[in-house]
Amino acid sequence: MNKNKFLLIIAILQISFFISWYWLENNKLHDPKSQEILVKITPIDPRDFLSGNYFILNYEISNINNYKDNKKIDKSKSTEIYAVLKKDKEWFVADYITINPPKVRDDQVVIKGTINPDSANIIFDIEKYFINENSKEPDRDKKIEVLLIIGDDYSARIKAVLVDGVEFKG
């Protein structure tokens, strides 16, 4: 094997390793501290044609008025906040919000988000869900829930969208 082929193989291996590490780090699926939680959504908005094959998910936990102490948060500017959710039956629902990472009980979980000053809602970066081009959107009249994974950095990722308790295969 000549020197150029050897260097090319080394470069490909390094790139492959970096891509794998980056994907794992951003998805937090490997983290033993990650938690899975189930949240309810309000009706889905129409498909977002500007972003491609995505549809918009509106979460009940995104409405800042659902949180206790929401009057203490300045809603007029884009502020990073920590939303504390509490377990209520099978779902996690809004409890309170704060600008500092809080200490929580075993029945609570924290998600980091940003205040959207235009709507006074909280953006968690989980509001869009990719579906295949030829897939039909879920029926809005059915019970739609989202299974989230919360990383130790308080970021949320969508693990699954459930329609009447069955995973939606978009």
C-alpha atoms as a PDB file:
ATOM      1  CA  MET A   1       0.000   0.000   0.000  1.00  0.00           C
ATOM      2  CA  ASN A   2       1.433   3.340  -0.923  1.00  0.00           C
ATOM      3  CA  LYS A   3       1.645   6.311   1.401  1.00  0.00           C
ATOM      4  CA  ASN A   4      -1.263   8.267  -0.181  1.00  0.00           C
ATOM      5  CA  LYS A   5      -3.731   5.382   0.217  1.00  0.00           C
ATOM      6  CA  PHE A   6      -2.666   4.908   3.826  1.00  0.00           C
ATOM      7  CA  LEU A   7      -3.198   8.613   4.616  1.00  0.00           C
ATOM      8  CA  LEU A   8      -6.582   8.543   2.873  1.00  0.00           C
ATOM      9  CA  ILE A   9      -7.716   5.574   4.975  1.00  0.00           C
ATOM     10  CA  ILE A  10      -6.551   7.294   8.176  1.00  0.00           C
ATOM     11  CA  ALA A  11      -8.414  10.479   7.195  1.00  0.00           C
ATOM     12  CA  ILE A  12     -11.635   8.541   6.437  1.00  0.00           C
ATOM     13  CA  LEU A  13     -11.432   6.736   9.782  1.00  0.00           C
ATOM     14  CA  GLN A  14     -10.910   9.992  11.645  1.00  0.00           C
ATOM     15  CA  ILE A  15     -13.849  11.634   9.892  1.00  0.00           C
ATOM     16  CA  SER A  16     -16.052   8.603  10.615  1.00  0.00           C
ATOM     17  CA  PHE A  17     -15.064   8.681  14.274  1.00  0.00           C
ATOM     18  CA  PHE A  18     -15.770  12.419  14.530  1.00  0.00           C
ATOM     19  CA  ILE A  19     -19.207  12.098  12.882  1.00  0.00           C
ATOM     20  CA  SER A  20     -20.160   9.222  15.201  1.00  0.00           C
ATOM     21  CA  TRP A  21     -18.980  11.109  18.280  1.00  0.00           C
ATOM     22  CA  TYR A  22     -20.815  14.262  17.202  1.00  0.00           C
ATOM     23  CA  TRP A  23     -24.082  12.367  16.603  1.00  0.00           C
ATOM     24  CA  LEU A  24     -23.894  10.604  19.967  1.00  0.00           C
ATOM     25  CA  GLU A  25     -23.068  13.810  21.796  1.00  0.00           C
ATOM     26  CA  ASN A  26     -25.956  15.708  20.241  1.00  0.00           C
ATOM     27  CA  ASN A  27     -28.552  12.982  20.660  1.00  0.00           C
ATOM     28  CA  LYS A  28     -27.693  12.098  24.264  1.00  0.00           C
ATOM     29  CA  LEU A  29     -29.168   8.648  23.732  1.00  0.00           C
ATOM     30  CA  HIS A  30     -26.119   7.018  25.271  1.00  0.00           C
ATOM     31  CA  ASP A  31     -26.189   9.062  28.453  1.00  0.00           C
ATOM     32  CA  PRO A  32     -27.301   7.001  31.472  1.00  0.00           C
ATOM     33  CA  LYS A  33     -28.525  10.214  33.131  1.00  0.00           C
ATOM     34  CA  SER A  34     -31.000  10.884  30.302  1.00  0.00           C
ATOM     35  CA  GLN A  35     -34.682  10.616  31.171  1.00  0.00           C
ATOM     36  CA  GLU A  36     -37.628   9.731  28.984  1.00  0.00           C
ATOM     37  CA  ILE A  37     -40.810  11.708  29.572  1.00  0.00           C
ATOM     38  CA  LEU A  38     -44.214  11.776  27.894  1.00  0.00           C
ATOM     39  CA  VAL A  39     -45.817  15.154  27.136  1.00  0.00           C
ATOM     40  CA  LYS A  40     -49.131  16.202  25.618  1.00  0.00           C
ATOM     41  CA  ILE A  41     -49.414  18.460  22.634  1.00  0.00           C
ATOM     42  CA  THR A  42     -52.135  20.787  21.486  1.00  0.00           C
ATOM     43  CA  PRO A  43     -53.389  20.339  17.913  1.00  0.00           C
ATOM     44  CA  ILE A  44     -50.679  20.182  15.280  1.00  0.00           C
ATOM     45  CA  ASP A  45     -50.296  23.118  12.922  1.00  0.00           C
ATOM     46  CA  PRO A  46     -50.238  22.457   9.206  1.00  0.00           C
ATOM     47  CA  ARG A  47     -47.072  21.147   7.632  1.00  0.00           C
ATOM     48  CA  ASP A  48     -44.240  23.690   7.409  1.00  0.00           C
ATOM     49  CA  PHE A  49     -43.609  23.796   3.658  1.00  0.00           C
ATOM     50  CA  LEU A  50     -40.749  26.286   3.929  1.00  0.00           C
ATOM     51  CA  SER A  51     -38.623  23.923   6.010  1.00  0.00           C
ATOM     52  CA  GLY A  52     -39.337  20.790   4.000  1.00  0.00           C
ATOM     53  CA  ASN A  53     -41.172  17.743   5.283  1.00  0.00           C
ATOM     54  CA  TYR A  54     -41.705  18.880   8.834  1.00  0.00           C
ATOM     55  CA  PHE A  55     -44.849  19.480  10.796  1.00  0.00           C
ATOM     56  CA  ILE A  56     -45.143  21.742  13.772  1.00  0.00           C
ATOM     57  CA  LEU A  57     -45.759  20.412  17.284  1.00  0.00           C
ATOM     58  CA  ASN A  58     -47.372  22.742  19.807  1.00  0.00           C
ATOM     59  CA  TYR A  59     -46.701  21.559  23.349  1.00  0.00           C
ATOM     60  CA  GLU A  60     -48.800  22.406  26.368  1.00  0.00           C
ATOM     61  CA  ILE A  61     -45.498  22.910  28.204  1.00  0.00           C
ATOM     62  CA  SER A  62     -44.580  25.690  25.729  1.00  0.00           C
ATOM     63  CA  ASN A  63     -47.305  28.006  27.001  1.00  0.00           C
ATOM     64  CA  ILE A  64     -45.621  30.200  29.598  1.00  0.00           C
ATOM     65  CA  ASN A  65     -48.981  30.953  31.240  1.00  0.00           C
ATOM     66  CA  ASN A  66     -49.235  27.303  32.345  1.00  0.00           C
ATOM     67  CA  TYR A  67     -46.333  27.807  34.794  1.00  0.00           C
ATOM     68  CA  LYS A  68     -46.469  29.093  38.349  1.00  0.00           C
ATOM     69  CA  ASP A  69     -44.393  32.226  38.923  1.00  0.00           C
ATOM     70  CA  ASN A  70     -44.472  33.144  35.221  1.00  0.00           C
ATOM     71  CA  LYS A  71     -44.973  36.807  36.134  1.00  0.00           C
ATOM     72  CA  LYS A  72     -41.384  36.926  37.447  1.00  0.00           C
ATOM     73  CA  ILE A  73     -39.959  36.228  33.980  1.00  0.00           C
ATOM     74  CA  ASP A  74     -39.427  39.066  31.492  1.00  0.00           C
ATOM     75  CA  LYS A  75     -41.358  37.925  28.399  1.00  0.00           C
ATOM     76  CA  SER A  76     -40.359  40.943  26.304  1.00  0.00           C
ATOM     77  CA  LYS A  77     -36.879  39.628  25.447  1.00  0.00           C
ATOM     78  CA  SER A  78     -35.371  36.338  24.382  1.00  0.00           C
ATOM     79  CA  THR A  79     -34.278  34.861  27.721  1.00  0.00           C
ATOM     80  CA  GLU A  80     -32.888  31.395  28.430  1.00  0.00           C
ATOM     81  CA  ILE A  81     -35.055  29.723  31.061  1.00  0.00           C
ATOM     82  CA  TYR A  82     -35.391  26.392  32.828  1.00  0.00           C
ATOM     83  CA  ALA A  83     -38.861  24.873  32.750  1.00  0.00           C
ATOM     84  CA  VAL A  84     -39.598  22.492  35.605  1.00  0.00           C
ATOM     85  CA  LEU A  85     -42.145  19.822  34.739  1.00  0.00           C
ATOM     86  CA  LYS A  86     -43.907  17.574  37.209  1.00  0.00           C
ATOM     87  CA  LYS A  87     -45.391  14.129  36.762  1.00  0.00           C
ATOM     88  CA  ASP A  88     -49.188  14.187  36.533  1.00  0.00           C
ATOM     89  CA  LYS A  89     -50.665  10.761  35.852  1.00  0.00           C
ATOM     90  CA  GLU A  90     -48.890   9.511  32.724  1.00  0.00           C
ATOM     91  CA  TRP A  91     -47.625  12.894  31.455  1.00  0.00           C
ATOM     92  CA  PHE A  92     -45.247  15.576  32.565  1.00  0.00           C
ATOM     93  CA  VAL A  93     -46.916  18.993  32.829  1.00  0.00           C
ATOM     94  CA  ALA A  94     -45.811  22.566  33.551  1.00  0.00           C
ATOM     95  CA  ASP A  95     -44.854  23.340  37.157  1.00  0.00           C
ATOM     96  CA  TYR A  96     -42.684  26.483  37.351  1.00  0.00           C
ATOM     97  CA  ILE A  97     -39.956  28.346  35.438  1.00  0.00           C
ATOM     98  CA  THR A  98     -36.737  29.995  36.539  1.00  0.00           C
ATOM     99  CA  ILE A  99     -33.699  31.639  34.967  1.00  0.00           C
ATOM    100  CA  ASN A 100     -31.262  29.553  37.030  1.00  0.00           C
ATOM    101  CA  PRO A 101     -30.837  25.757  36.921  1.00  0.00           C
ATOM    102  CA  PRO A 102     -33.084  24.506  39.737  1.00  0.00           C
ATOM    103  CA  LYS A 103     -32.825  21.564  42.096  1.00  0.00           C
ATOM    104  CA  VAL A 104     -35.750  19.228  41.543  1.00  0.00           C
ATOM    105  CA  ARG A 105     -37.566  16.370  43.242  1.00  0.00           C
ATOM    106  CA  ASP A 106     -37.749  12.827  41.867  1.00  0.00           C
ATOM    107  CA  ASP A 107     -41.153  13.510  40.291  1.00  0.00           C
ATOM    108  CA  GLN A 108     -39.849  16.552  38.386  1.00  0.00           C
ATOM    109  CA  VAL A 109     -37.653  17.099  35.341  1.00  0.00           C
ATOM    110  CA  VAL A 110     -36.042  20.226  33.864  1.00  0.00           C
ATOM    111  CA  ILE A 111     -35.970  21.326  30.223  1.00  0.00           C
ATOM    112  CA  LYS A 112     -33.937  24.295  29.025  1.00  0.00           C
ATOM    113  CA  GLY A 113     -35.709  26.655  26.634  1.00  0.00           C
ATOM    114  CA  THR A 114     -35.814  30.203  25.384  1.00  0.00           C
ATOM    115  CA  ILE A 115     -38.598  32.767  25.681  1.00  0.00           C
ATOM    116  CA  ASN A 116     -39.997  33.829  22.317  1.00  0.00           C
ATOM    117  CA  PRO A 117     -40.790  37.529  22.893  1.00  0.00           C
ATOM    118  CA  ASP A 118     -43.164  37.638  19.901  1.00  0.00           C
ATOM    119  CA  SER A 119     -45.515  35.005  21.315  1.00  0.00           C
ATOM    120  CA  ALA A 120     -44.433  34.799  24.984  1.00  0.00           C
ATOM    121  CA  ASN A 121     -44.076  31.039  24.503  1.00  0.00           C
ATOM    122  CA  ILE A 122     -41.104  28.875  25.361  1.00  0.00           C
ATOM    123  CA  ILE A 123     -39.055  27.408  22.513  1.00  0.00           C
ATOM    124  CA  PHE A 124     -37.425  24.045  23.342  1.00  0.00           C
ATOM    125  CA  ASP A 125     -36.065  23.253  19.823  1.00  0.00           C
ATOM    126  CA  ILE A 126     -38.402  20.253  19.595  1.00  0.00           C
ATOM    127  CA  GLU A 127     -41.226  22.037  17.798  1.00  0.00           C
ATOM    128  CA  LYS A 128     -40.608  20.519  14.355  1.00  0.00           C
ATOM    129  CA  TYR A 129     -40.887  16.822  13.504  1.00  0.00           C
ATOM    130  CA  PHE A 130     -39.618  15.355  10.222  1.00  0.00           C
ATOM    131  CA  ILE A 131     -41.904  13.107   8.206  1.00  0.00           C
ATOM    132  CA  ASN A 132     -41.295  11.353   4.906  1.00  0.00           C
ATOM    133  CA  GLU A 133     -42.491  13.161   1.809  1.00  0.00           C
ATOM    134  CA  ASN A 134     -45.248  10.675   1.023  1.00  0.00           C
ATOM    135  CA  SER A 135     -46.409  10.174   4.615  1.00  0.00           C
ATOM    136  CA  LYS A 136     -49.793  11.285   5.799  1.00  0.00           C
ATOM    137  CA  GLU A 137     -49.885  13.520   8.863  1.00  0.00           C
ATOM    138  CA  PRO A 138     -51.475  12.089  11.999  1.00  0.00           C
ATOM    139  CA  ASP A 139     -55.194  12.702  12.431  1.00  0.00           C
ATOM    140  CA  ARG A 140     -55.590  15.817  14.602  1.00  0.00           C
ATOM    141  CA  ASP A 141     -58.680  14.378  16.276  1.00  0.00           C
ATOM    142  CA  LYS A 142     -56.682  11.532  17.815  1.00  0.00           C
ATOM    143  CA  LYS A 143     -54.669  11.632  21.043  1.00  0.00           C
ATOM    144  CA  ILE A 144     -51.157  12.762  20.065  1.00  0.00           C
ATOM    145  CA  GLU A 145     -48.295  12.644  22.561  1.00  0.00           C
ATOM    146  CA  VAL A 146     -44.545  12.992  22.286  1.00  0.00           C
ATOM    147  CA  LEU A 147     -41.924  10.882  24.045  1.00  0.00           C
ATOM    148  CA  LEU A 148     -38.936  13.096  24.828  1.00  0.00           C
ATOM    149  CA  ILE A 149     -35.425  12.325  25.988  1.00  0.00           C
ATOM    150  CA  ILE A 150     -34.018  14.904  28.385  1.00  0.00           C
ATOM    151  CA  GLY A 151     -30.215  15.045  28.553  1.00  0.00           C
ATOM    152  CA  ASP A 152     -28.131  15.948  31.563  1.00  0.00           C
ATOM    153  CA  ASP A 153     -27.640  19.397  29.972  1.00  0.00           C
ATOM    154  CA  TYR A 154     -31.454  19.869  30.135  1.00  0.00           C
ATOM    155  CA  SER A 155     -31.841  19.696  26.345  1.00  0.00           C
ATOM    156  CA  ALA A 156     -34.790  17.773  24.913  1.00  0.00           C
ATOM    157  CA  ARG A 157     -34.910  15.491  21.878  1.00  0.00           C
ATOM    158  CA  ILE A 158     -37.923  13.797  20.317  1.00  0.00           C
ATOM    159  CA  LYS A 159     -37.714  10.036  20.625  1.00  0.00           C
ATOM    160  CA  ALA A 160     -41.169   9.226  19.255  1.00  0.00           C
ATOM    161  CA  VAL A 161     -44.518  10.727  18.337  1.00  0.00           C
ATOM    162  CA  LEU A 162     -47.394   8.576  19.582  1.00  0.00           C
ATOM    163  CA  VAL A 163     -50.859   8.589  18.027  1.00  0.00           C
ATOM    164  CA  ASP A 164     -53.411   6.879  20.264  1.00  0.00           C
ATOM    165  CA  GLY A 165     -50.502   5.175  22.053  1.00  0.00           C
ATOM    166  CA  VAL A 166     -48.898   3.786  18.866  1.00  0.00           C
ATOM    167  CA  GLU A 167     -45.625   5.151  17.490  1.00  0.00           C
ATOM    168  CA  PHE A 168     -46.179   7.283  14.391  1.00  0.00           C
ATOM    169  CA  LYS A 169     -43.940   6.134  11.537  1.00  0.00           C
ATOM    170  CA  GLY A 170     -43.608   9.264   9.453  1.00  0.00           C
END
